[in-house]
N, C-alpha and C. Protein backbone atom coordinates (compact mmCIF):
# COMPACT_ATOMS: atom_id res chain seq x y z
N UNK A 1 -3.18 10.11 -20.00
CA UNK A 1 -1.91 10.39 -19.34
C UNK A 1 -0.75 9.65 -20.00
N UNK A 2 -1.05 8.80 -20.95
CA UNK A 2 0.01 8.12 -21.67
C UNK A 2 0.37 6.74 -21.16
N UNK A 3 -0.16 6.33 -20.00
CA UNK A 3 0.16 5.00 -19.50
C UNK A 3 -1.08 4.20 -19.08
N UNK A 4 -2.25 4.78 -19.22
CA UNK A 4 -3.49 4.06 -18.93
C UNK A 4 -4.01 3.44 -20.22
N UNK A 5 -4.42 2.19 -20.16
CA UNK A 5 -4.74 1.43 -21.37
C UNK A 5 -6.23 1.39 -21.68
N UNK A 6 -7.05 1.17 -20.67
CA UNK A 6 -8.46 0.97 -20.95
C UNK A 6 -9.34 1.29 -19.76
N UNK A 7 -10.58 0.86 -19.86
CA UNK A 7 -11.60 1.13 -18.84
C UNK A 7 -12.34 -0.17 -18.57
N UNK A 8 -12.70 -0.38 -17.32
CA UNK A 8 -13.53 -1.53 -16.98
C UNK A 8 -14.68 -1.07 -16.09
N UNK A 9 -15.80 -1.76 -16.20
CA UNK A 9 -16.94 -1.42 -15.36
C UNK A 9 -17.74 -2.68 -15.08
N UNK A 10 -18.79 -2.55 -14.29
CA UNK A 10 -19.69 -3.67 -14.00
C UNK A 10 -21.04 -3.08 -13.60
N UNK A 11 -22.07 -3.90 -13.48
CA UNK A 11 -23.40 -3.36 -13.17
C UNK A 11 -23.46 -2.55 -11.87
N UNK A 12 -22.70 -2.92 -10.86
CA UNK A 12 -22.71 -2.18 -9.60
C UNK A 12 -22.12 -0.78 -9.80
N UNK A 13 -20.99 -0.69 -10.48
CA UNK A 13 -20.39 0.62 -10.75
C UNK A 13 -21.29 1.47 -11.64
N UNK A 14 -21.94 0.83 -12.60
CA UNK A 14 -22.87 1.57 -13.47
C UNK A 14 -24.02 2.13 -12.66
N UNK A 15 -24.59 1.32 -11.76
CA UNK A 15 -25.71 1.77 -10.94
C UNK A 15 -25.31 2.96 -10.07
N UNK A 16 -24.10 2.91 -9.52
CA UNK A 16 -23.61 4.03 -8.70
C UNK A 16 -23.49 5.31 -9.53
N UNK A 17 -23.24 5.15 -10.82
CA UNK A 17 -23.09 6.30 -11.72
C UNK A 17 -24.40 6.62 -12.45
N UNK A 18 -25.46 5.91 -12.08
CA UNK A 18 -26.79 6.10 -12.69
C UNK A 18 -26.78 5.85 -14.19
N UNK A 19 -26.06 4.80 -14.60
CA UNK A 19 -26.06 4.34 -15.99
C UNK A 19 -26.77 2.99 -16.02
N UNK A 20 -27.75 2.85 -16.89
CA UNK A 20 -28.53 1.62 -16.97
C UNK A 20 -27.74 0.50 -17.65
N UNK A 21 -28.02 -0.73 -17.22
CA UNK A 21 -27.48 -1.91 -17.91
C UNK A 21 -28.35 -2.16 -19.14
N UNK A 22 -28.10 -1.36 -20.16
CA UNK A 22 -28.77 -1.51 -21.45
C UNK A 22 -27.69 -1.41 -22.51
N UNK A 23 -27.85 -2.16 -23.56
CA UNK A 23 -26.82 -2.19 -24.60
C UNK A 23 -26.59 -0.79 -25.18
N UNK A 24 -27.66 -0.03 -25.42
CA UNK A 24 -27.48 1.30 -26.02
C UNK A 24 -26.71 2.22 -25.08
N UNK A 25 -26.98 2.14 -23.78
CA UNK A 25 -26.27 2.97 -22.81
C UNK A 25 -24.79 2.60 -22.76
N UNK A 26 -24.50 1.30 -22.84
CA UNK A 26 -23.11 0.86 -22.80
C UNK A 26 -22.39 1.15 -24.11
N UNK A 27 -23.12 1.17 -25.20
CA UNK A 27 -22.53 1.55 -26.47
C UNK A 27 -22.10 3.02 -26.43
N UNK A 28 -22.94 3.86 -25.82
CA UNK A 28 -22.59 5.27 -25.66
C UNK A 28 -21.36 5.41 -24.77
N UNK A 29 -21.33 4.65 -23.68
CA UNK A 29 -20.19 4.67 -22.76
C UNK A 29 -18.91 4.23 -23.48
N UNK A 30 -19.00 3.17 -24.26
CA UNK A 30 -17.83 2.67 -24.99
C UNK A 30 -17.33 3.71 -25.99
N UNK A 31 -18.25 4.34 -26.71
CA UNK A 31 -17.85 5.36 -27.68
C UNK A 31 -17.11 6.50 -27.00
N UNK A 32 -17.60 6.91 -25.84
CA UNK A 32 -16.94 7.97 -25.08
C UNK A 32 -15.54 7.53 -24.65
N UNK A 33 -15.45 6.30 -24.16
CA UNK A 33 -14.14 5.78 -23.73
C UNK A 33 -13.14 5.78 -24.87
N UNK A 34 -13.56 5.32 -26.05
CA UNK A 34 -12.65 5.26 -27.18
C UNK A 34 -12.28 6.66 -27.67
N UNK A 35 -13.22 7.60 -27.57
CA UNK A 35 -12.91 8.97 -27.98
C UNK A 35 -11.87 9.61 -27.06
N UNK A 36 -11.79 9.11 -25.83
CA UNK A 36 -10.80 9.61 -24.86
C UNK A 36 -9.46 8.89 -24.97
N UNK A 37 -9.37 7.91 -25.87
CA UNK A 37 -8.11 7.22 -26.09
C UNK A 37 -8.01 5.83 -25.51
N UNK A 38 -9.08 5.31 -24.93
CA UNK A 38 -9.04 3.94 -24.41
C UNK A 38 -8.76 2.96 -25.54
N UNK A 39 -7.91 2.00 -25.26
CA UNK A 39 -7.60 0.95 -26.24
C UNK A 39 -8.55 -0.24 -26.11
N UNK A 40 -9.20 -0.32 -24.94
CA UNK A 40 -10.04 -1.48 -24.63
C UNK A 40 -11.04 -1.05 -23.58
N UNK A 41 -12.24 -1.63 -23.63
CA UNK A 41 -13.20 -1.42 -22.55
C UNK A 41 -13.78 -2.77 -22.17
N UNK A 42 -13.91 -3.01 -20.88
CA UNK A 42 -14.47 -4.26 -20.38
C UNK A 42 -15.88 -3.98 -19.87
N UNK A 43 -16.85 -4.66 -20.47
CA UNK A 43 -18.26 -4.48 -20.12
C UNK A 43 -18.81 -5.83 -19.66
N UNK A 44 -19.60 -5.81 -18.58
CA UNK A 44 -20.02 -7.07 -17.96
C UNK A 44 -21.40 -7.51 -18.41
N UNK A 45 -21.49 -8.78 -18.82
CA UNK A 45 -22.76 -9.40 -19.16
C UNK A 45 -23.59 -9.61 -17.90
N UNK A 46 -24.90 -9.74 -18.07
CA UNK A 46 -25.78 -9.91 -16.92
C UNK A 46 -26.93 -10.85 -17.27
N UNK A 47 -27.67 -11.22 -16.24
CA UNK A 47 -28.86 -12.04 -16.44
C UNK A 47 -28.92 -13.28 -15.56
N UNK A 48 -27.78 -13.83 -15.16
CA UNK A 48 -27.76 -14.92 -14.19
C UNK A 48 -27.93 -16.32 -14.74
N UNK A 49 -28.21 -16.47 -16.05
CA UNK A 49 -28.33 -17.80 -16.65
C UNK A 49 -27.35 -17.90 -17.82
N UNK A 50 -27.10 -19.12 -18.24
CA UNK A 50 -26.20 -19.31 -19.39
C UNK A 50 -26.72 -18.53 -20.59
N UNK A 51 -28.01 -18.69 -20.88
CA UNK A 51 -28.58 -18.03 -22.06
C UNK A 51 -28.52 -16.51 -21.97
N UNK A 52 -28.82 -15.96 -20.80
CA UNK A 52 -28.80 -14.50 -20.67
C UNK A 52 -27.37 -13.96 -20.72
N UNK A 53 -26.41 -14.67 -20.12
CA UNK A 53 -25.02 -14.24 -20.24
C UNK A 53 -24.56 -14.30 -21.70
N UNK A 54 -24.98 -15.34 -22.41
CA UNK A 54 -24.62 -15.45 -23.83
C UNK A 54 -25.23 -14.31 -24.63
N UNK A 55 -26.50 -14.04 -24.37
CA UNK A 55 -27.20 -13.00 -25.14
C UNK A 55 -26.60 -11.62 -24.89
N UNK A 56 -26.48 -11.25 -23.61
CA UNK A 56 -25.94 -9.92 -23.33
C UNK A 56 -24.45 -9.84 -23.66
N UNK A 57 -23.73 -10.94 -23.45
CA UNK A 57 -22.31 -10.94 -23.78
C UNK A 57 -22.06 -10.75 -25.26
N UNK A 58 -22.81 -11.46 -26.11
CA UNK A 58 -22.64 -11.31 -27.56
C UNK A 58 -23.04 -9.91 -28.01
N UNK A 59 -24.09 -9.36 -27.41
CA UNK A 59 -24.52 -8.00 -27.76
C UNK A 59 -23.47 -6.98 -27.37
N UNK A 60 -22.84 -7.16 -26.21
CA UNK A 60 -21.78 -6.25 -25.79
C UNK A 60 -20.56 -6.36 -26.71
N UNK A 61 -20.19 -7.58 -27.05
CA UNK A 61 -19.04 -7.79 -27.93
C UNK A 61 -19.27 -7.17 -29.30
N UNK A 62 -20.53 -7.14 -29.74
CA UNK A 62 -20.86 -6.57 -31.05
C UNK A 62 -20.74 -5.05 -31.08
N UNK A 63 -20.65 -4.42 -29.91
CA UNK A 63 -20.52 -2.96 -29.84
C UNK A 63 -19.26 -2.48 -30.55
N UNK A 64 -18.15 -3.21 -30.34
CA UNK A 64 -16.87 -2.79 -30.90
C UNK A 64 -15.88 -3.94 -30.68
N UNK A 65 -14.94 -4.15 -31.62
CA UNK A 65 -13.95 -5.22 -31.43
C UNK A 65 -13.06 -5.03 -30.21
N UNK A 66 -13.01 -3.81 -29.68
CA UNK A 66 -12.16 -3.54 -28.52
C UNK A 66 -12.85 -3.84 -27.19
N UNK A 67 -14.09 -4.33 -27.25
CA UNK A 67 -14.82 -4.71 -26.04
C UNK A 67 -14.37 -6.09 -25.57
N UNK A 68 -14.08 -6.20 -24.28
CA UNK A 68 -13.86 -7.49 -23.63
C UNK A 68 -15.07 -7.74 -22.75
N UNK A 69 -15.68 -8.90 -22.90
CA UNK A 69 -16.90 -9.23 -22.15
C UNK A 69 -16.52 -9.83 -20.81
N UNK A 70 -17.00 -9.21 -19.75
CA UNK A 70 -16.78 -9.75 -18.40
C UNK A 70 -17.97 -10.64 -18.03
N UNK A 71 -17.67 -11.77 -17.39
CA UNK A 71 -18.70 -12.70 -16.96
C UNK A 71 -18.31 -13.20 -15.56
N UNK A 72 -19.27 -13.23 -14.62
CA UNK A 72 -18.95 -13.73 -13.28
C UNK A 72 -18.49 -15.19 -13.33
N UNK A 73 -17.54 -15.54 -12.46
CA UNK A 73 -16.99 -16.88 -12.44
C UNK A 73 -17.85 -17.80 -11.55
N UNK A 74 -19.08 -17.98 -12.01
CA UNK A 74 -20.01 -18.95 -11.45
C UNK A 74 -20.28 -19.97 -12.54
N UNK A 75 -20.94 -21.08 -12.21
CA UNK A 75 -21.11 -22.16 -13.19
C UNK A 75 -21.76 -21.68 -14.48
N UNK A 76 -22.87 -20.93 -14.36
CA UNK A 76 -23.54 -20.45 -15.56
C UNK A 76 -22.66 -19.47 -16.33
N UNK A 77 -21.93 -18.63 -15.60
CA UNK A 77 -21.04 -17.67 -16.24
C UNK A 77 -19.90 -18.34 -16.98
N UNK A 78 -19.29 -19.35 -16.37
CA UNK A 78 -18.19 -20.05 -17.02
C UNK A 78 -18.66 -20.78 -18.27
N UNK A 79 -19.82 -21.41 -18.18
CA UNK A 79 -20.38 -22.10 -19.35
C UNK A 79 -20.60 -21.13 -20.49
N UNK A 80 -21.20 -19.99 -20.17
CA UNK A 80 -21.44 -18.97 -21.20
C UNK A 80 -20.12 -18.40 -21.72
N UNK A 81 -19.18 -18.15 -20.82
CA UNK A 81 -17.88 -17.60 -21.21
C UNK A 81 -17.17 -18.53 -22.18
N UNK A 82 -17.19 -19.83 -21.90
CA UNK A 82 -16.54 -20.79 -22.78
C UNK A 82 -17.15 -20.73 -24.18
N UNK A 83 -18.46 -20.59 -24.25
CA UNK A 83 -19.12 -20.51 -25.57
C UNK A 83 -18.80 -19.20 -26.26
N UNK A 84 -18.75 -18.11 -25.51
CA UNK A 84 -18.39 -16.82 -26.11
C UNK A 84 -16.97 -16.88 -26.68
N UNK A 85 -16.06 -17.51 -25.95
CA UNK A 85 -14.68 -17.65 -26.43
C UNK A 85 -14.65 -18.49 -27.70
N UNK A 86 -15.44 -19.57 -27.74
CA UNK A 86 -15.51 -20.41 -28.93
C UNK A 86 -16.02 -19.62 -30.14
N UNK A 87 -16.84 -18.61 -29.87
CA UNK A 87 -17.38 -17.76 -30.95
C UNK A 87 -16.41 -16.64 -31.33
N UNK A 88 -15.25 -16.59 -30.68
CA UNK A 88 -14.22 -15.63 -31.04
C UNK A 88 -14.22 -14.34 -30.23
N UNK A 89 -15.01 -14.29 -29.15
CA UNK A 89 -15.05 -13.08 -28.33
C UNK A 89 -14.00 -13.14 -27.24
N UNK A 90 -13.51 -11.97 -26.85
CA UNK A 90 -12.56 -11.87 -25.74
C UNK A 90 -13.35 -11.81 -24.43
N UNK A 91 -12.84 -12.49 -23.40
CA UNK A 91 -13.60 -12.66 -22.16
C UNK A 91 -12.71 -12.49 -20.94
N UNK A 92 -13.28 -11.85 -19.91
CA UNK A 92 -12.70 -11.79 -18.57
C UNK A 92 -13.65 -12.52 -17.63
N UNK A 93 -13.13 -13.44 -16.83
CA UNK A 93 -13.92 -14.02 -15.75
C UNK A 93 -13.67 -13.17 -14.51
N UNK A 94 -14.75 -12.66 -13.94
CA UNK A 94 -14.62 -11.70 -12.85
C UNK A 94 -15.21 -12.26 -11.55
N UNK A 95 -14.85 -11.60 -10.45
CA UNK A 95 -15.30 -12.05 -9.14
C UNK A 95 -14.44 -13.18 -8.61
N UNK A 96 -13.16 -13.17 -8.94
CA UNK A 96 -12.24 -14.24 -8.55
C UNK A 96 -11.75 -14.02 -7.11
N UNK A 97 -11.88 -15.06 -6.30
CA UNK A 97 -11.42 -15.01 -4.91
C UNK A 97 -10.49 -16.16 -4.55
N UNK A 98 -10.40 -17.18 -5.38
CA UNK A 98 -9.65 -18.39 -5.02
C UNK A 98 -8.67 -18.78 -6.12
N UNK A 99 -7.56 -19.35 -5.70
CA UNK A 99 -6.53 -19.77 -6.64
C UNK A 99 -7.06 -20.77 -7.65
N UNK A 100 -7.96 -21.66 -7.22
CA UNK A 100 -8.51 -22.66 -8.13
C UNK A 100 -9.32 -22.01 -9.26
N UNK A 101 -9.89 -20.84 -9.00
CA UNK A 101 -10.70 -20.19 -10.03
C UNK A 101 -9.87 -19.71 -11.21
N UNK A 102 -8.63 -19.33 -10.98
CA UNK A 102 -7.81 -18.90 -12.12
C UNK A 102 -7.50 -20.08 -13.04
N UNK A 103 -7.51 -21.27 -12.49
CA UNK A 103 -7.29 -22.46 -13.32
C UNK A 103 -8.48 -22.68 -14.25
N UNK A 104 -9.68 -22.36 -13.78
CA UNK A 104 -10.87 -22.44 -14.64
C UNK A 104 -10.74 -21.45 -15.79
N UNK A 105 -10.35 -20.21 -15.46
CA UNK A 105 -10.18 -19.19 -16.49
C UNK A 105 -9.16 -19.64 -17.52
N UNK A 106 -8.06 -20.21 -17.06
CA UNK A 106 -7.03 -20.69 -17.98
C UNK A 106 -7.55 -21.84 -18.83
N UNK A 107 -8.31 -22.75 -18.23
CA UNK A 107 -8.79 -23.94 -18.94
C UNK A 107 -9.71 -23.58 -20.10
N UNK A 108 -10.51 -22.52 -19.95
CA UNK A 108 -11.42 -22.16 -21.05
C UNK A 108 -10.80 -21.14 -22.01
N UNK A 109 -9.59 -20.68 -21.68
CA UNK A 109 -8.91 -19.74 -22.57
C UNK A 109 -9.34 -18.30 -22.42
N UNK A 110 -9.77 -17.92 -21.21
CA UNK A 110 -10.16 -16.52 -20.97
C UNK A 110 -8.94 -15.62 -21.12
N UNK A 111 -9.17 -14.41 -21.62
CA UNK A 111 -8.09 -13.44 -21.73
C UNK A 111 -7.61 -13.01 -20.34
N UNK A 112 -8.58 -12.80 -19.45
CA UNK A 112 -8.27 -12.30 -18.10
C UNK A 112 -9.07 -13.06 -17.05
N UNK A 113 -8.52 -13.09 -15.85
CA UNK A 113 -9.25 -13.47 -14.64
C UNK A 113 -9.07 -12.29 -13.68
N UNK A 114 -10.17 -11.83 -13.08
CA UNK A 114 -10.12 -10.61 -12.28
C UNK A 114 -10.33 -10.90 -10.79
N UNK A 115 -9.22 -11.04 -10.04
CA UNK A 115 -9.33 -11.21 -8.59
C UNK A 115 -9.52 -9.87 -7.90
N UNK A 116 -10.24 -9.88 -6.78
CA UNK A 116 -10.59 -8.66 -6.03
C UNK A 116 -9.67 -8.53 -4.82
N UNK A 117 -8.56 -7.85 -5.02
CA UNK A 117 -7.53 -7.75 -3.98
C UNK A 117 -8.07 -7.22 -2.66
N UNK A 118 -8.69 -6.04 -2.67
CA UNK A 118 -9.16 -5.42 -1.44
C UNK A 118 -10.18 -6.28 -0.71
N UNK A 119 -11.05 -6.90 -1.46
CA UNK A 119 -12.08 -7.74 -0.84
C UNK A 119 -11.49 -9.02 -0.26
N UNK A 120 -10.42 -9.53 -0.88
CA UNK A 120 -9.72 -10.69 -0.31
C UNK A 120 -9.08 -10.28 1.02
N UNK A 121 -8.48 -9.08 1.06
CA UNK A 121 -7.96 -8.57 2.34
C UNK A 121 -9.07 -8.49 3.38
N UNK A 122 -10.26 -8.01 2.95
CA UNK A 122 -11.39 -7.87 3.87
C UNK A 122 -11.82 -9.18 4.49
N UNK A 123 -11.58 -10.28 3.78
CA UNK A 123 -11.93 -11.60 4.30
C UNK A 123 -10.90 -12.12 5.30
N UNK A 124 -9.86 -11.31 5.57
CA UNK A 124 -8.84 -11.69 6.54
C UNK A 124 -7.67 -12.43 5.95
N UNK A 125 -7.55 -12.42 4.62
CA UNK A 125 -6.46 -13.11 3.96
C UNK A 125 -5.38 -12.11 3.52
N UNK A 126 -4.21 -12.61 3.24
CA UNK A 126 -3.13 -11.80 2.67
C UNK A 126 -3.35 -11.77 1.17
N UNK A 127 -4.03 -10.74 0.70
CA UNK A 127 -4.41 -10.66 -0.71
C UNK A 127 -3.23 -10.69 -1.65
N UNK A 128 -2.17 -9.98 -1.31
CA UNK A 128 -0.99 -9.97 -2.19
C UNK A 128 -0.38 -11.36 -2.30
N UNK A 129 -0.31 -12.07 -1.18
CA UNK A 129 0.25 -13.43 -1.22
C UNK A 129 -0.65 -14.35 -2.05
N UNK A 130 -1.97 -14.20 -1.90
CA UNK A 130 -2.88 -15.08 -2.65
C UNK A 130 -2.83 -14.79 -4.15
N UNK A 131 -2.73 -13.52 -4.51
CA UNK A 131 -2.64 -13.19 -5.94
C UNK A 131 -1.30 -13.62 -6.52
N UNK A 132 -0.26 -13.54 -5.73
CA UNK A 132 1.04 -14.03 -6.18
C UNK A 132 0.98 -15.53 -6.45
N UNK A 133 0.26 -16.27 -5.59
CA UNK A 133 0.09 -17.71 -5.80
C UNK A 133 -0.73 -17.98 -7.05
N UNK A 134 -1.74 -17.16 -7.31
CA UNK A 134 -2.53 -17.29 -8.54
C UNK A 134 -1.63 -17.13 -9.76
N UNK A 135 -0.76 -16.12 -9.71
CA UNK A 135 0.16 -15.87 -10.82
C UNK A 135 1.09 -17.06 -11.03
N UNK A 136 1.58 -17.64 -9.94
CA UNK A 136 2.46 -18.80 -10.07
C UNK A 136 1.73 -19.98 -10.71
N UNK A 137 0.45 -20.14 -10.37
CA UNK A 137 -0.34 -21.21 -10.98
C UNK A 137 -0.44 -21.03 -12.49
N UNK A 138 -0.71 -19.81 -12.91
CA UNK A 138 -0.81 -19.54 -14.36
C UNK A 138 0.52 -19.79 -15.06
N UNK A 139 1.61 -19.35 -14.42
CA UNK A 139 2.93 -19.59 -15.00
C UNK A 139 3.25 -21.08 -15.04
N UNK A 140 2.82 -21.80 -14.00
CA UNK A 140 3.11 -23.23 -13.91
C UNK A 140 2.48 -24.03 -15.03
N UNK A 141 1.33 -23.58 -15.52
CA UNK A 141 0.68 -24.30 -16.62
C UNK A 141 0.88 -23.57 -17.96
N UNK A 142 1.74 -22.56 -17.95
CA UNK A 142 2.07 -21.79 -19.15
C UNK A 142 0.83 -21.22 -19.82
N UNK A 143 -0.07 -20.70 -19.00
CA UNK A 143 -1.31 -20.12 -19.52
C UNK A 143 -1.08 -18.70 -20.00
N UNK A 144 -1.82 -18.30 -21.03
CA UNK A 144 -1.79 -16.92 -21.52
C UNK A 144 -2.79 -16.04 -20.79
N UNK A 145 -3.64 -16.61 -19.94
CA UNK A 145 -4.60 -15.83 -19.16
C UNK A 145 -3.86 -14.88 -18.23
N UNK A 146 -4.30 -13.63 -18.21
CA UNK A 146 -3.65 -12.62 -17.36
C UNK A 146 -4.56 -12.28 -16.18
N UNK A 147 -3.94 -12.02 -15.04
CA UNK A 147 -4.69 -11.54 -13.89
C UNK A 147 -4.92 -10.04 -14.05
N UNK A 148 -6.17 -9.65 -13.98
CA UNK A 148 -6.58 -8.24 -14.02
C UNK A 148 -6.98 -7.89 -12.59
N UNK A 149 -6.06 -7.31 -11.84
CA UNK A 149 -6.27 -7.10 -10.41
C UNK A 149 -7.24 -5.94 -10.20
N UNK A 150 -8.33 -6.24 -9.48
CA UNK A 150 -9.36 -5.24 -9.18
C UNK A 150 -9.41 -5.01 -7.68
N UNK A 151 -10.24 -4.05 -7.28
CA UNK A 151 -10.43 -3.72 -5.87
C UNK A 151 -9.11 -3.36 -5.19
N UNK A 152 -8.36 -2.49 -5.87
CA UNK A 152 -7.08 -2.02 -5.33
C UNK A 152 -7.34 -0.76 -4.53
N UNK A 153 -6.78 -0.70 -3.35
CA UNK A 153 -6.98 0.47 -2.48
C UNK A 153 -5.70 1.24 -2.20
N UNK A 154 -4.54 0.60 -2.42
CA UNK A 154 -3.26 1.25 -2.11
C UNK A 154 -2.29 1.06 -3.27
N UNK A 155 -1.66 2.14 -3.69
CA UNK A 155 -0.67 2.05 -4.77
C UNK A 155 0.47 1.11 -4.39
N UNK A 156 0.79 1.03 -3.12
CA UNK A 156 1.88 0.16 -2.67
C UNK A 156 1.63 -1.30 -3.01
N UNK A 157 0.35 -1.71 -3.00
CA UNK A 157 0.03 -3.09 -3.34
C UNK A 157 0.38 -3.40 -4.79
N UNK A 158 0.23 -2.41 -5.67
CA UNK A 158 0.60 -2.62 -7.06
C UNK A 158 2.10 -2.86 -7.17
N UNK A 159 2.89 -2.09 -6.45
CA UNK A 159 4.34 -2.29 -6.47
C UNK A 159 4.70 -3.69 -5.98
N UNK A 160 4.02 -4.14 -4.92
CA UNK A 160 4.27 -5.49 -4.39
C UNK A 160 3.92 -6.55 -5.43
N UNK A 161 2.79 -6.39 -6.09
CA UNK A 161 2.33 -7.40 -7.04
C UNK A 161 3.16 -7.41 -8.33
N UNK A 162 3.63 -6.25 -8.77
CA UNK A 162 4.47 -6.26 -9.97
C UNK A 162 5.77 -7.01 -9.72
N UNK A 163 6.27 -6.95 -8.50
CA UNK A 163 7.48 -7.70 -8.15
C UNK A 163 7.24 -9.20 -8.24
N UNK A 164 5.96 -9.62 -8.14
CA UNK A 164 5.60 -11.04 -8.25
C UNK A 164 5.19 -11.41 -9.67
N UNK A 165 5.32 -10.46 -10.61
CA UNK A 165 5.06 -10.78 -12.02
C UNK A 165 3.70 -10.38 -12.54
N UNK A 166 2.84 -9.79 -11.70
CA UNK A 166 1.54 -9.34 -12.18
C UNK A 166 1.72 -7.99 -12.88
N UNK A 167 0.94 -7.76 -13.94
CA UNK A 167 1.19 -6.53 -14.70
C UNK A 167 -0.07 -5.84 -15.22
N UNK A 168 -1.25 -6.24 -14.77
CA UNK A 168 -2.48 -5.65 -15.27
C UNK A 168 -3.38 -5.31 -14.09
N UNK A 169 -3.76 -4.02 -13.98
CA UNK A 169 -4.46 -3.54 -12.79
C UNK A 169 -5.58 -2.58 -13.18
N UNK A 170 -6.65 -2.58 -12.39
CA UNK A 170 -7.68 -1.55 -12.54
C UNK A 170 -7.50 -0.58 -11.37
N UNK A 171 -7.56 0.71 -11.69
CA UNK A 171 -7.32 1.74 -10.68
C UNK A 171 -8.49 2.70 -10.60
N UNK A 172 -8.88 3.04 -9.40
CA UNK A 172 -9.80 4.16 -9.22
C UNK A 172 -8.99 5.45 -9.32
N UNK A 173 -9.68 6.56 -9.50
CA UNK A 173 -8.97 7.84 -9.55
C UNK A 173 -8.25 8.12 -8.23
N UNK A 174 -8.84 7.66 -7.12
CA UNK A 174 -8.21 7.89 -5.80
C UNK A 174 -6.87 7.16 -5.70
N UNK A 175 -6.80 5.93 -6.19
CA UNK A 175 -5.53 5.19 -6.15
C UNK A 175 -4.54 5.80 -7.13
N UNK A 176 -5.02 6.21 -8.29
CA UNK A 176 -4.14 6.85 -9.26
C UNK A 176 -3.47 8.09 -8.66
N UNK A 177 -4.22 8.86 -7.90
CA UNK A 177 -3.68 10.06 -7.25
C UNK A 177 -2.54 9.71 -6.29
N UNK A 178 -2.61 8.53 -5.67
CA UNK A 178 -1.56 8.13 -4.73
C UNK A 178 -0.19 8.03 -5.41
N UNK A 179 -0.19 7.70 -6.69
CA UNK A 179 1.08 7.60 -7.41
C UNK A 179 1.77 8.96 -7.52
N UNK A 180 1.00 10.02 -7.53
CA UNK A 180 1.55 11.35 -7.73
C UNK A 180 1.67 12.14 -6.43
N UNK A 181 1.08 11.64 -5.37
CA UNK A 181 1.09 12.35 -4.09
C UNK A 181 2.31 11.92 -3.26
N UNK A 182 3.49 12.20 -3.80
CA UNK A 182 4.75 11.88 -3.12
C UNK A 182 5.34 13.22 -2.67
N UNK A 183 5.37 13.45 -1.36
CA UNK A 183 5.69 14.78 -0.84
C UNK A 183 7.07 15.27 -1.30
N UNK A 184 8.06 14.41 -1.32
CA UNK A 184 9.39 14.84 -1.74
C UNK A 184 9.40 15.28 -3.20
N UNK A 185 8.65 14.57 -4.03
CA UNK A 185 8.57 14.95 -5.45
C UNK A 185 7.84 16.27 -5.62
N UNK A 186 6.75 16.45 -4.88
CA UNK A 186 6.00 17.70 -4.96
C UNK A 186 6.87 18.87 -4.50
N UNK A 187 7.64 18.64 -3.43
CA UNK A 187 8.53 19.70 -2.92
C UNK A 187 9.61 20.04 -3.95
N UNK A 188 10.22 19.01 -4.54
CA UNK A 188 11.27 19.25 -5.53
C UNK A 188 10.71 19.99 -6.74
N UNK A 189 9.50 19.60 -7.17
CA UNK A 189 8.88 20.26 -8.32
C UNK A 189 8.61 21.72 -8.03
N UNK A 190 8.15 22.00 -6.82
CA UNK A 190 7.92 23.39 -6.43
C UNK A 190 9.24 24.18 -6.45
N UNK A 191 10.31 23.57 -5.98
CA UNK A 191 11.61 24.22 -6.00
C UNK A 191 12.08 24.49 -7.42
N UNK A 192 11.83 23.53 -8.34
CA UNK A 192 12.18 23.75 -9.73
C UNK A 192 11.44 24.96 -10.29
N UNK A 193 10.15 25.03 -9.99
CA UNK A 193 9.34 26.12 -10.53
C UNK A 193 9.78 27.47 -9.95
N UNK A 194 10.12 27.48 -8.68
CA UNK A 194 10.60 28.72 -8.07
C UNK A 194 11.91 29.16 -8.70
N UNK A 195 12.80 28.20 -8.95
CA UNK A 195 14.09 28.51 -9.56
C UNK A 195 13.91 29.02 -10.99
N UNK A 196 12.91 28.48 -11.70
CA UNK A 196 12.67 28.89 -13.08
C UNK A 196 12.23 30.35 -13.18
N UNK A 197 11.73 30.91 -12.08
CA UNK A 197 11.27 32.31 -12.08
C UNK A 197 12.41 33.31 -11.87
N UNK A 198 13.59 32.81 -11.50
CA UNK A 198 14.73 33.71 -11.23
C UNK A 198 15.30 34.30 -12.51
């Protein structure tokens, strides 16, 4: 569409789509994404230990230079992520729920930290306010780490967060449709088309 940059996934989304967490399957997925014009794809390492995150993360990064390796922001994941970054790989720390976690991502030099907006709302918190505070923390320490906002359910939340300086979001097709489902615009477009037939 001209304004979408890349694709991100994780083992849960893959399982829902009946795609195995295997390097060859993800290599096929990445090739398809790049053939469709994706500039970047984020693929998540798995295994639950430092060694397994390192092994799967390095294998994923080897698929293509445009791969960003996602790693859960748990102790083993952060340890592995720091080593992957030292080896020159791009990394996203995912599963972020707390402001302190973005400081960890910044400290190890992660490209992205991925907070789960909708799930933070589900916990009874003001997700937009918490993500805005995360952004202020990153700005306060002049970090280059970017927030990659995930678990978005409403297009309006993106507008709120961009006003707070956030600029990187993952969208489902359902949320993307909300951007175009503006009744006044649809009505005006229909009027244009009717007028063009005169």
